[in-house]
N, C-alpha and C. Protein backbone atom coordinates (compact mmCIF):
# COMPACT_ATOMS: atom_id res chain seq x y z
N LEU A 1 -23.49 -88.70 -109.16
CA LEU A 1 -23.65 -90.07 -109.52
C LEU A 1 -22.98 -91.02 -108.92
N VAL A 2 -21.18 -90.43 -108.63
CA VAL A 2 -20.99 -91.68 -107.68
C VAL A 2 -20.95 -91.69 -106.38
N TRP A 3 -21.43 -90.92 -105.65
CA TRP A 3 -22.47 -90.97 -104.68
C TRP A 3 -23.47 -91.97 -104.67
N THR A 4 -24.60 -91.90 -105.35
CA THR A 4 -25.31 -93.15 -105.84
C THR A 4 -24.69 -94.42 -106.40
N HIS A 5 -24.05 -94.34 -106.96
CA HIS A 5 -23.06 -95.73 -106.76
C HIS A 5 -22.96 -96.74 -105.62
N LEU A 6 -21.93 -95.40 -104.91
CA LEU A 6 -21.34 -96.17 -103.75
C LEU A 6 -22.22 -96.43 -102.79
N GLN A 7 -23.46 -95.94 -102.68
CA GLN A 7 -24.76 -96.19 -101.77
C GLN A 7 -25.29 -97.23 -102.22
N ARG A 8 -25.34 -97.43 -103.56
CA ARG A 8 -25.84 -99.06 -104.05
C ARG A 8 -24.83 -99.91 -103.50
N GLN A 9 -23.82 -99.83 -103.54
CA GLN A 9 -22.87 -100.66 -103.50
C GLN A 9 -22.65 -101.48 -102.30
N TYR A 10 -22.64 -100.23 -101.12
CA TYR A 10 -22.90 -100.47 -100.03
C TYR A 10 -24.29 -101.20 -99.21
N ARG A 11 -25.04 -100.74 -99.94
CA ARG A 11 -26.50 -101.28 -99.33
C ARG A 11 -26.44 -102.82 -100.01
N ARG A 12 -26.17 -103.28 -101.08
CA ARG A 12 -26.18 -104.34 -101.38
C ARG A 12 -25.13 -105.04 -100.70
N ASP A 13 -23.82 -104.69 -100.03
CA ASP A 13 -22.93 -105.13 -99.31
C ASP A 13 -23.37 -105.67 -98.14
N LEU A 14 -24.29 -104.55 -97.52
CA LEU A 14 -24.91 -104.51 -96.22
C LEU A 14 -25.79 -106.30 -96.22
N PHE A 15 -26.62 -106.57 -97.28
CA PHE A 15 -26.98 -107.79 -97.37
C PHE A 15 -26.26 -109.05 -98.12
N SER A 16 -24.96 -109.01 -97.85
CA SER A 16 -23.92 -109.81 -98.93
C SER A 16 -24.29 -110.99 -97.78
N LYS A 17 -24.10 -112.11 -98.72
CA LYS A 17 -23.86 -113.52 -97.65
C LYS A 17 -22.15 -113.52 -96.87
N SER A 18 -21.51 -112.75 -97.13
CA SER A 18 -20.16 -112.59 -96.69
C SER A 18 -20.49 -111.68 -95.62
N PRO A 19 -20.16 -112.24 -93.89
CA PRO A 19 -20.13 -111.55 -92.86
C PRO A 19 -19.34 -110.44 -92.84
N LEU A 20 -18.14 -110.74 -93.47
CA LEU A 20 -16.84 -109.68 -93.82
C LEU A 20 -17.35 -108.27 -94.55
N ARG A 21 -17.92 -108.50 -95.84
CA ARG A 21 -18.58 -107.36 -96.41
C ARG A 21 -19.81 -106.70 -95.48
N ARG A 22 -20.46 -107.65 -94.97
CA ARG A 22 -21.76 -106.73 -94.12
C ARG A 22 -21.16 -105.69 -93.03
N VAL A 23 -19.85 -106.18 -92.26
CA VAL A 23 -19.04 -105.53 -91.33
C VAL A 23 -18.31 -104.35 -92.14
N ALA A 24 -17.57 -104.09 -93.17
CA ALA A 24 -17.43 -103.39 -93.94
C ALA A 24 -18.67 -102.34 -94.61
N ALA A 25 -19.89 -102.71 -94.89
CA ALA A 25 -20.98 -101.79 -95.43
C ALA A 25 -21.13 -100.91 -93.56
N LEU A 26 -21.19 -101.61 -92.83
CA LEU A 26 -21.77 -101.06 -91.45
C LEU A 26 -20.38 -100.10 -90.99
N GLY A 27 -19.48 -100.24 -91.34
CA GLY A 27 -18.07 -99.27 -91.21
C GLY A 27 -18.55 -98.32 -92.01
N TYR A 28 -18.79 -98.40 -93.34
CA TYR A 28 -19.25 -97.30 -94.35
C TYR A 28 -20.46 -96.47 -93.92
N LEU A 29 -21.39 -97.11 -93.59
CA LEU A 29 -22.33 -96.33 -93.35
C LEU A 29 -22.54 -95.76 -91.94
N ARG A 30 -21.58 -96.13 -90.88
CA ARG A 30 -21.42 -95.84 -89.75
C ARG A 30 -20.90 -93.91 -90.02
N ALA A 31 -20.07 -93.42 -90.94
CA ALA A 31 -19.92 -92.18 -91.23
C ALA A 31 -20.86 -91.31 -92.01
N ARG A 32 -22.13 -91.91 -92.21
CA ARG A 32 -23.24 -91.08 -93.21
C ARG A 32 -24.45 -91.42 -92.14
N PRO A 33 -24.98 -90.52 -91.52
CA PRO A 33 -25.68 -90.19 -90.56
C PRO A 33 -27.18 -89.55 -91.21
N THR A 34 -27.67 -90.27 -92.28
CA THR A 34 -29.03 -89.81 -92.64
C THR A 34 -30.24 -90.28 -92.83
N VAL A 35 -31.07 -90.12 -93.21
CA VAL A 35 -32.20 -90.67 -92.81
C VAL A 35 -32.54 -92.19 -93.57
N ASN A 36 -31.84 -91.79 -94.83
CA ASN A 36 -31.88 -93.09 -95.48
C ASN A 36 -31.12 -94.20 -95.00
N THR A 37 -29.90 -93.69 -94.28
CA THR A 37 -29.24 -94.80 -93.36
C THR A 37 -29.70 -95.41 -92.48
N ALA A 38 -30.54 -94.89 -91.87
CA ALA A 38 -31.75 -95.23 -90.71
C ALA A 38 -32.47 -96.13 -90.95
N GLN A 39 -32.80 -96.09 -92.70
CA GLN A 39 -33.88 -96.66 -92.81
C GLN A 39 -33.15 -98.10 -93.47
N ILE A 40 -32.34 -98.14 -94.28
CA ILE A 40 -31.24 -98.87 -94.34
C ILE A 40 -31.31 -99.87 -93.29
N LEU A 41 -30.65 -99.31 -92.20
CA LEU A 41 -29.99 -100.17 -90.81
C LEU A 41 -31.10 -100.94 -90.31
N ARG A 42 -32.62 -100.40 -90.21
CA ARG A 42 -34.02 -100.96 -89.87
C ARG A 42 -34.01 -102.09 -90.42
N GLU A 43 -33.75 -101.71 -91.84
CA GLU A 43 -33.81 -103.15 -92.76
C GLU A 43 -33.39 -104.41 -92.32
N TYR A 44 -31.89 -103.89 -92.67
CA TYR A 44 -30.71 -105.04 -91.91
C TYR A 44 -30.83 -105.61 -90.44
N ILE A 45 -31.42 -104.66 -89.71
CA ILE A 45 -31.47 -105.23 -88.22
C ILE A 45 -32.39 -106.09 -88.26
N ALA A 46 -33.58 -106.38 -89.01
CA ALA A 46 -34.55 -107.52 -89.09
C ALA A 46 -34.20 -108.19 -90.08
N TRP A 47 -33.22 -108.22 -90.92
CA TRP A 47 -32.79 -109.39 -91.55
C TRP A 47 -31.58 -110.20 -90.93
N GLU A 48 -30.83 -109.42 -90.55
CA GLU A 48 -29.31 -110.20 -89.99
C GLU A 48 -29.56 -111.07 -89.36
N PRO A 49 -29.29 -112.44 -89.70
CA PRO A 49 -29.00 -113.93 -89.07
C PRO A 49 -27.80 -113.74 -87.85
N ARG A 50 -26.89 -112.77 -87.87
CA ARG A 50 -26.22 -113.14 -86.76
C ARG A 50 -26.35 -112.21 -85.44
N ALA A 51 -26.36 -112.49 -84.31
CA ALA A 51 -26.53 -111.69 -83.21
C ALA A 51 -25.66 -110.33 -83.06
N VAL A 52 -24.55 -111.00 -83.24
CA VAL A 52 -23.50 -109.58 -82.98
C VAL A 52 -23.67 -108.58 -84.09
N LEU A 53 -23.63 -109.02 -85.28
CA LEU A 53 -23.85 -107.94 -86.30
C LEU A 53 -24.97 -107.36 -86.05
N ARG A 54 -26.32 -108.34 -85.85
CA ARG A 54 -27.58 -107.46 -85.23
C ARG A 54 -27.39 -106.38 -84.32
N GLN A 55 -26.30 -106.70 -83.40
CA GLN A 55 -26.39 -105.64 -82.42
C GLN A 55 -25.70 -104.76 -82.64
N ARG A 56 -24.69 -104.69 -83.42
CA ARG A 56 -23.51 -103.71 -83.67
C ARG A 56 -24.52 -102.49 -84.66
N GLY A 57 -25.62 -103.42 -85.47
CA GLY A 57 -26.23 -102.43 -86.41
C GLY A 57 -27.44 -101.69 -85.75
N ALA A 58 -27.79 -102.06 -84.57
CA ALA A 58 -29.00 -101.48 -83.55
C ALA A 58 -28.17 -100.57 -83.10
N HIS A 59 -26.93 -100.77 -82.29
CA HIS A 59 -26.41 -99.72 -81.48
C HIS A 59 -26.10 -98.24 -82.71
N MET A 60 -25.86 -98.77 -83.96
CA MET A 60 -25.42 -97.78 -84.91
C MET A 60 -26.77 -96.83 -85.19
N LEU A 61 -28.08 -97.64 -85.28
CA LEU A 61 -29.15 -97.25 -85.60
C LEU A 61 -29.51 -96.03 -84.38
N LYS A 62 -29.33 -96.45 -83.10
CA LYS A 62 -29.40 -95.37 -81.87
C LYS A 62 -28.72 -94.53 -82.21
N ARG A 63 -27.55 -94.47 -82.46
CA ARG A 63 -26.29 -93.38 -82.81
C ARG A 63 -27.04 -92.35 -83.69
N ILE A 64 -27.65 -92.88 -85.26
CA ILE A 64 -27.74 -92.30 -86.27
C ILE A 64 -29.25 -91.23 -85.71
N GLU A 65 -30.20 -92.03 -85.05
CA GLU A 65 -31.37 -91.67 -84.66
C GLU A 65 -30.95 -90.35 -83.54
N ALA A 66 -30.17 -89.99 -82.65
CA ALA A 66 -29.72 -89.26 -81.72
C ALA A 66 -29.18 -88.36 -82.60
N THR A 67 -28.68 -88.20 -83.57
CA THR A 67 -27.53 -87.04 -84.47
C THR A 67 -28.97 -86.65 -85.37
N LEU A 68 -29.78 -87.39 -85.76
CA LEU A 68 -31.08 -86.75 -86.53
C LEU A 68 -31.69 -86.10 -85.71
């Protein structure tokens, strides 16, 4: 139950208006290399308006895919 709540919260923060929340959400997801995380990152990369954060997300996605 707690895990599900945390996943939802960080997914919301990943698409937050606040860049700081998005950075924090990326940091949280970096430590959780799952198929679900990879799917969320793909959506995030397509959505992210800031190039720096989009590149960070893409780098994380490559690392997660290599791990899986």
